[in-house]
Protein backbone atom coordinates (compact mmCIF):
# COMPACT_ATOMS: atom_id res chain seq x y z
CA MET A 1 1.13 8.17 17.49
CA VAL A 2 -2.58 8.00 17.64
CA THR A 3 -2.57 8.51 13.61
CA ASN A 4 -0.90 5.34 13.08
CA LEU A 5 -4.71 4.44 14.07
CA ALA A 6 -6.18 5.54 11.08
CA PHE A 7 -4.46 2.44 9.54
CA LEU A 8 -6.09 -0.33 11.57
CA ALA A 9 -9.70 1.77 10.86
CA VAL A 10 -9.06 1.55 7.59
CA ALA A 11 -7.87 -1.92 7.21
CA VAL A 12 -11.00 -2.74 9.62
CA ARG A 13 -13.69 -0.94 7.63
CA GLY A 14 -11.97 -2.91 3.89
CA LEU A 15 -13.37 -6.17 5.30
CA ARG A 16 -17.05 -5.48 3.87
CA ALA A 17 -15.46 -5.91 0.30
CA PHE A 18 -15.07 -9.69 0.97
CA GLY A 19 -18.92 -9.41 1.64
CA ALA A 20 -18.97 -8.23 -2.38
CA ALA A 21 -19.16 -11.03 -5.24
CA ALA A 22 -18.17 -8.21 -8.07
CA ALA A 23 -15.45 -7.67 -6.19
CA PHE A 24 -13.27 -10.29 -7.03
CA GLN A 25 -12.85 -12.02 -10.35
CA GLU A 26 -10.65 -14.73 -8.89
CA ARG A 27 -10.13 -15.90 -5.84
CA TRP A 28 -6.24 -15.50 -6.14
CA GLU A 29 -7.61 -11.64 -5.97
CA ARG A 30 -9.01 -12.13 -2.74
CA ALA A 31 -5.98 -13.59 -1.41
CA ALA A 32 -4.22 -11.11 -2.53
CA TYR A 33 -6.36 -7.93 -1.05
CA GLY A 34 -6.74 -9.71 2.62
CA ILE A 35 -2.69 -9.75 2.59
CA LEU A 36 -3.16 -6.48 1.93
CA LEU A 37 -5.36 -5.98 4.22
CA LEU A 38 -3.05 -7.12 6.96
CA GLY A 39 -0.34 -5.34 5.87
CA VAL A 40 -2.45 -1.87 6.56
CA ALA A 41 -3.31 -3.15 9.76
CA LEU A 42 -0.06 -4.36 10.91
CA VAL A 43 1.35 -0.49 9.70
CA ALA A 44 -0.77 0.70 13.04
CA PHE A 45 0.83 -1.86 15.24
CA GLY A 46 4.99 -1.53 13.29
CA SER A 47 5.13 2.07 13.41
CA GLY A 48 3.66 2.78 16.69
CA TYR A 49 6.58 0.22 18.11
CA TYR A 50 8.88 1.77 15.97
CA ARG A 51 8.30 5.79 17.11
CA TRP A 52 7.43 4.23 20.94
CA HIS A 53 11.28 3.13 20.88
CA PRO A 54 13.28 3.87 17.51
CA ASP A 55 16.27 1.92 16.72
CA SER A 56 17.14 -0.20 14.07
CA ALA A 57 15.07 -3.50 15.24
CA THR A 58 11.92 -1.75 15.45
CA LEU A 59 12.59 -0.29 12.35
CA VAL A 60 12.01 -3.19 10.66
CA TRP A 61 8.53 -3.58 12.28
CA ASP A 62 8.04 -0.52 10.32
CA ARG A 63 8.83 -0.46 6.99
CA LEU A 64 8.07 -4.54 6.91
CA PRO A 65 3.88 -4.21 6.77
CA MET A 66 4.42 -1.50 4.44
CA THR A 67 6.55 -3.81 2.21
CA VAL A 68 3.57 -6.36 2.55
CA ALA A 69 1.01 -3.74 1.64
CA PHE A 70 2.84 -2.19 -1.39
CA MET A 71 3.87 -5.86 -3.15
CA SER A 72 -0.06 -7.66 -3.18
CA LEU A 73 -1.48 -3.89 -4.33
CA LEU A 74 1.43 -4.36 -7.19
CA ALA A 75 0.17 -7.88 -8.00
CA SER A 76 -3.36 -6.91 -7.63
CA THR A 77 -2.63 -4.22 -9.84
CA ILE A 78 -1.12 -6.24 -12.79
CA GLY A 79 -3.60 -8.69 -12.98
CA GLU A 80 -6.06 -5.92 -13.20
CA ARG A 81 -4.65 -3.92 -15.48
CA THR A 82 -2.21 -6.74 -17.82
CA THR A 83 -3.24 -10.07 -17.24
CA MET A 84 -4.86 -12.34 -14.35
CA GLY A 85 -2.69 -14.90 -14.33
CA ALA A 86 0.13 -12.55 -14.35
CA GLY A 87 -0.87 -11.01 -11.24
CA LYS A 88 -1.84 -14.60 -9.77
CA TRP A 89 1.58 -15.91 -10.33
CA LEU A 90 3.04 -12.65 -9.46
CA LEU A 91 2.19 -12.16 -5.96
CA LEU A 92 4.53 -14.17 -3.83
CA PRO A 93 7.91 -13.76 -5.78
CA LEU A 94 6.91 -9.65 -5.66
CA LEU A 95 6.05 -10.28 -1.61
CA ALA A 96 9.48 -12.40 -1.13
CA ALA A 97 11.00 -9.79 -3.45
CA GLY A 98 9.53 -7.20 -0.36
CA ILE A 99 10.46 -9.12 2.57
CA ALA A 100 13.94 -9.95 1.32
CA SER A 101 14.20 -6.34 0.25
CA VAL A 102 13.52 -5.26 4.69
CA ALA A 103 15.79 -8.09 5.57
CA TRP A 104 18.70 -6.60 2.96
CA ARG A 105 18.35 -3.89 4.79
CA VAL A 106 18.48 -4.97 8.00
CA ALA A 107 22.11 -7.21 7.39
CA SER A 108 24.24 -5.09 4.97
CA GLY A 109 22.91 -1.57 5.76
CA ASP A 110 21.80 -1.29 2.13
CA LEU A 111 18.46 0.60 2.02
CA ARG A 112 18.64 0.42 -2.52
CA ALA A 113 16.29 -3.13 -2.60
CA TYR A 114 14.07 -1.61 0.09
CA GLY A 115 14.01 1.64 -1.80
CA LEU A 116 13.24 -0.49 -4.68
CA ALA A 117 10.10 -2.61 -3.04
CA GLN A 118 8.58 0.93 -1.75
CA PHE A 119 8.70 2.95 -4.89
CA TYR A 120 8.33 0.48 -7.96
CA PRO A 121 5.01 -0.05 -7.04
CA VAL A 122 3.86 3.85 -6.37
CA ALA A 123 5.90 4.10 -9.97
CA ALA A 124 4.35 1.23 -12.25
CA ALA A 125 0.41 1.34 -10.27
CA PRO A 126 -0.29 5.44 -12.57
CA LEU A 127 1.46 3.42 -15.56
CA MET A 128 -0.55 0.88 -15.90
CA LEU A 129 -3.68 3.07 -14.66
CA GLY A 130 -2.70 4.72 -18.14
CA LEU A 131 -1.65 2.66 -20.52
CA PHE A 132 -4.09 -0.43 -19.83
CA PRO A 133 -8.05 -0.92 -19.76
CA PRO A 134 -9.70 -2.02 -16.94
CA ARG A 135 -10.85 -4.83 -15.60
CA TYR A 136 -13.14 -3.48 -13.05
CA THR A 137 -14.87 -0.01 -12.50
CA GLY A 138 -13.53 2.31 -10.28
CA THR A 139 -10.51 3.67 -11.60
CA ARG A 140 -11.04 7.14 -10.46
CA GLY A 141 -10.84 6.06 -7.13
CA LEU A 142 -7.49 4.90 -7.77
CA TRP A 143 -6.25 7.30 -9.07
CA THR A 144 -7.43 9.21 -5.64
CA MET A 145 -4.70 6.99 -4.20
CA VAL A 146 -1.86 7.71 -6.14
CA GLY A 147 -2.56 11.72 -5.04
CA PHE A 148 -2.88 10.63 -1.83
CA TYR A 149 0.07 8.84 -1.59
CA VAL A 150 2.37 11.47 -3.93
CA LEU A 151 0.77 13.91 -0.89
CA ALA A 152 2.70 11.47 1.84
CA LYS A 153 5.78 11.50 0.47
CA ILE A 154 5.60 14.87 -0.01
CA LEU A 155 4.77 15.69 3.38
CA GLU A 156 7.56 13.44 4.56
CA SER A 157 10.29 14.98 2.04
CA PHE A 158 9.85 18.27 3.55
CA ASP A 159 8.81 17.02 7.25
CA GLY A 160 11.56 19.54 8.02
CA ALA A 161 10.16 22.77 6.06
CA ILE A 162 6.89 22.07 8.30
CA SER A 163 7.97 21.52 11.32
CA ALA A 164 8.97 25.46 10.71
CA ALA A 165 5.61 26.24 10.99
CA LEU A 166 3.77 23.63 12.26
CA SER A 167 4.56 21.87 15.78
CA THR A 168 3.38 18.53 14.89
CA GLY A 169 5.73 18.64 11.20
CA GLY A 170 4.93 17.05 8.70
CA HIS A 171 5.32 12.97 9.73
CA PRO A 172 1.75 12.26 11.44
CA TRP A 173 -0.04 14.43 8.54
CA LYS A 174 2.46 11.73 6.07
CA HIS A 175 0.07 8.86 8.27
CA LEU A 176 -3.48 10.23 7.11
CA ALA A 177 -2.37 11.05 3.45
CA GLY A 178 -1.35 7.11 3.94
CA ALA A 179 -4.02 6.26 5.81
CA ALA A 180 -5.97 7.88 2.98
CA ALA A 181 -4.64 6.49 -0.08
CA MET A 182 -5.47 3.16 0.76
CA GLY A 183 -8.53 3.99 2.20
CA CYS A 184 -9.42 4.94 -1.42
CA TYR A 185 -8.08 1.52 -2.34
CA VAL A 186 -10.84 -0.21 0.05
CA LYS A 187 -13.31 1.98 -0.93
CA THR A 188 -12.55 1.06 -4.94
CA VAL A 189 -12.37 -2.54 -4.52
CA ALA A 190 -15.91 -2.79 -2.14
CA GLY A 191 -17.84 -0.91 -4.68
CA ARG A 192 -16.61 -1.72 -7.77
CA SER A 193 -18.11 -4.51 -10.64
CA GLY A 194 -16.24 -6.24 -13.53
CA ILE A 195 -16.00 -4.55 -17.02
CA SER A 196 -16.48 -7.17 -20.07
CA ARG A 197 -12.86 -6.85 -21.88
CA PRO A 198 -12.58 -7.25 -25.69
């Protein structure tokens, strides 16, 4: 599906943040951001593969990159909003938990772990944005990211109803809204700078 390429475009654009000296205070944050970009780029291929040949095997490659992106984003947000140490030490366990949730879905057919891995970061991020002070500028861009992701979920949930009005249905628009959410994030990271915290 052509709309999948929007994720690849976002990942390529996100590379410019690596040249922004003020975008990362610690080395692990740069690594987490690189993992997020890899996940976003692979969404384009994994989702396209699944749409080309939908079955249980290709569904793994649709879900796995999204889970990697979500978990690296969650670890980065924890580090930015709570303590850097917490984000750093949770990065690998969160990634492992996300990958395990997809593997568990394949092995058992149980979607609950994957659902938690997908939706918990989206629920936790707004709470952290609202409750903890920022370490970087650009909070408005992060809220815009959350807004676009909520829109993506609405489009996914009402895909059938949208199909009655539009021949495309809601799915390609969900892709564009999800890519826009990630676009807001990479733009925010590229332009942010550190804020002194008490």
